[in-house]
């Protein structure tokens, strides 16, 4: 068995239906040649260094899969055709690379643009040491409420 990984760059408007369709098609292509998908990981939306097809952002997806040695040439051609013909309007760029089966399965990558920060605005302000900004900007709600009741 040979191990490969494919990194795709898709349009930033990728829907969950389109993502699941790509995943299902990958799984079907590989199962037809006795291969298997090891991981299908949506990395998230990132700002690109330069516009690609007039897009400043893109969603990265990493797929790792195993293929029997005798079928590797056939499946690589099929995957290439899949990207160039069937999903060319969704996938802007892709690369396929053969990797060592013992290579680590984790990657260090920055947080994507579309990730949700935990804690909201208050934690952002504390993290960036802007507490005085917050105290200066907060109106005294009780005073405003009492003033409106007196009228």
Protein backbone atom coordinates (compact mmCIF):
# COMPACT_ATOMS: atom_id res chain seq x y z
CA UNK A 1 0.00 0.00 0.00
CA UNK A 2 1.13 3.50 -0.84
CA UNK A 3 0.02 6.50 1.17
CA UNK A 4 -0.88 9.78 -0.47
CA UNK A 5 -2.23 13.11 0.61
CA UNK A 6 -4.15 15.67 -1.39
CA UNK A 7 -4.41 19.29 -0.36
CA UNK A 8 -7.28 21.16 -2.00
CA UNK A 9 -7.99 24.86 -2.09
CA UNK A 10 -11.69 25.48 -2.64
CA UNK A 11 -13.79 28.56 -3.12
CA UNK A 12 -14.56 30.37 0.14
CA UNK A 13 -18.31 29.81 -0.41
CA UNK A 14 -17.99 26.01 -0.17
CA UNK A 15 -21.18 24.48 1.23
CA UNK A 16 -21.40 21.43 3.45
CA UNK A 17 -23.26 19.61 0.67
CA UNK A 18 -20.43 20.24 -1.79
CA UNK A 19 -17.89 19.14 0.80
CA UNK A 20 -19.75 15.92 1.55
CA UNK A 21 -20.14 15.23 -2.19
CA UNK A 22 -16.37 15.55 -2.68
CA UNK A 23 -15.77 13.29 0.31
CA UNK A 24 -18.23 10.63 -0.93
CA UNK A 25 -16.73 10.67 -4.42
CA UNK A 26 -13.21 10.30 -3.02
CA UNK A 27 -14.36 7.38 -0.88
CA UNK A 28 -16.05 5.71 -3.86
CA UNK A 29 -13.03 6.16 -6.17
CA UNK A 30 -10.72 4.62 -3.59
CA UNK A 31 -13.00 1.76 -2.60
CA UNK A 32 -13.31 0.81 -6.29
CA UNK A 33 -9.55 0.08 -6.33
CA UNK A 34 -9.40 -1.41 -2.81
CA UNK A 35 -8.03 1.79 -1.31
CA UNK A 36 -9.32 3.69 1.69
CA UNK A 37 -9.57 7.24 2.98
CA UNK A 38 -7.59 7.65 6.19
CA UNK A 39 -8.61 11.23 6.95
CA UNK A 40 -10.69 13.93 5.33
CA UNK A 41 -9.91 17.11 7.23
CA UNK A 42 -11.43 20.53 6.55
CA UNK A 43 -8.75 22.96 7.72
CA UNK A 44 -10.88 26.07 7.35
CA UNK A 45 -10.89 29.42 5.59
CA UNK A 46 -7.62 31.31 5.17
CA UNK A 47 -6.57 34.57 3.57
CA UNK A 48 -4.52 33.83 0.46
CA UNK A 49 -1.17 35.47 -0.34
CA UNK A 50 -2.50 36.49 -3.74
CA UNK A 51 -5.95 36.26 -5.38
CA UNK A 52 -6.80 32.92 -6.95
CA UNK A 53 -9.64 33.05 -9.46
CA UNK A 54 -10.50 36.51 -8.07
CA UNK A 55 -10.80 35.17 -4.49
CA UNK A 56 -8.81 36.62 -1.60
CA UNK A 57 -9.83 33.73 0.70
CA UNK A 58 -10.04 29.98 0.28
CA UNK A 59 -10.90 26.86 2.24
CA UNK A 60 -8.21 24.20 2.60
CA UNK A 61 -9.05 20.50 2.80
CA UNK A 62 -6.50 17.75 3.40
CA UNK A 63 -7.26 14.17 2.40
CA UNK A 64 -4.99 11.26 3.28
CA UNK A 65 -5.55 7.89 1.67
CA UNK A 66 -4.00 4.48 1.02
CA UNK A 67 -3.90 2.84 -2.41
CA UNK A 68 -2.60 -0.60 -3.42
CA UNK A 69 0.70 -0.27 -5.29
CA UNK A 70 -0.52 -1.81 -8.54
CA UNK A 71 -3.47 0.62 -8.70
CA UNK A 72 -1.65 3.83 -7.81
CA UNK A 73 -1.14 5.05 -11.40
CA UNK A 74 -4.78 4.41 -12.32
CA UNK A 75 -6.20 6.16 -9.25
CA UNK A 76 -3.88 9.17 -9.61
CA UNK A 77 -5.17 9.71 -13.17
CA UNK A 78 -8.75 9.32 -11.95
CA UNK A 79 -8.25 11.81 -9.10
CA UNK A 80 -6.60 14.27 -11.48
CA UNK A 81 -9.55 13.99 -13.88
CA UNK A 82 -11.98 14.37 -11.00
CA UNK A 83 -10.44 17.70 -9.99
CA UNK A 84 -9.97 19.03 -13.52
CA UNK A 85 -13.36 17.99 -14.93
CA UNK A 86 -15.97 17.31 -12.26
CA UNK A 87 -15.16 19.82 -9.51
CA UNK A 88 -13.15 22.48 -11.37
CA UNK A 89 -15.76 25.08 -10.37
CA UNK A 90 -15.36 24.25 -6.65
CA UNK A 91 -11.68 23.32 -6.28
CA UNK A 92 -9.37 26.17 -7.33
CA UNK A 93 -6.06 24.37 -6.75
CA UNK A 94 -4.93 20.91 -5.65
CA UNK A 95 -1.75 18.97 -5.12
CA UNK A 96 -1.24 15.23 -4.65
CA UNK A 97 1.83 13.98 -2.85
CA UNK A 98 3.09 10.52 -1.96
CA UNK A 99 4.03 10.39 1.71
CA UNK A 100 5.76 8.00 4.07
CA UNK A 101 3.21 5.77 5.87
CA UNK A 102 5.01 6.41 9.16
CA UNK A 103 4.82 10.22 8.83
CA UNK A 104 2.98 12.04 11.63
CA UNK A 105 -0.70 12.63 11.06
CA UNK A 106 -0.83 16.08 12.67
CA UNK A 107 0.03 19.44 11.18
CA UNK A 108 0.82 22.71 12.89
CA UNK A 109 -1.20 25.40 11.19
CA UNK A 110 -2.52 28.85 12.11
CA UNK A 111 -6.12 29.37 13.18
CA UNK A 112 -8.42 29.80 10.20
CA UNK A 113 -10.33 33.02 9.61
CA UNK A 114 -13.68 31.30 10.12
CA UNK A 115 -12.81 29.72 13.49
CA UNK A 116 -14.83 30.83 16.46
CA UNK A 117 -12.87 32.38 19.28
CA UNK A 118 -13.98 31.31 22.69
CA UNK A 119 -14.75 34.00 25.20
CA UNK A 120 -15.92 36.73 22.84
CA UNK A 121 -15.00 40.39 23.03
CA UNK A 122 -14.21 40.44 26.76
CA UNK A 123 -11.51 37.78 26.44
CA UNK A 124 -10.07 39.54 23.36
CA UNK A 125 -9.84 42.80 25.30
CA UNK A 126 -8.17 41.10 28.28
CA UNK A 127 -5.81 39.14 26.00
CA UNK A 128 -4.65 42.35 24.34
CA UNK A 129 -4.48 44.30 27.62
CA UNK A 130 -7.17 46.79 26.68
CA UNK A 131 -9.18 46.82 29.93
CA UNK A 132 -8.95 50.61 30.23
CA UNK A 133 -10.47 50.92 26.79
CA UNK A 134 -13.42 48.84 27.93
CA UNK A 135 -13.97 50.79 31.16
CA UNK A 136 -13.82 54.12 29.27
CA UNK A 137 -16.28 52.96 26.65
CA UNK A 138 -18.96 51.45 28.94
CA UNK A 139 -21.82 53.85 29.68
CA UNK A 140 -23.33 53.74 33.11
CA UNK A 141 -26.53 51.86 32.32
CA UNK A 142 -28.13 52.45 35.74
CA UNK A 143 -27.83 56.23 35.41
CA UNK A 144 -29.43 56.14 31.97
CA UNK A 145 -32.26 53.98 33.27
CA UNK A 146 -32.94 56.28 36.25
CA UNK A 147 -32.90 59.38 34.02
CA UNK A 148 -35.49 57.90 31.69
CA UNK A 149 -37.77 56.95 34.63
CA UNK A 150 -37.69 60.47 36.05
CA UNK A 151 -39.22 61.93 32.86
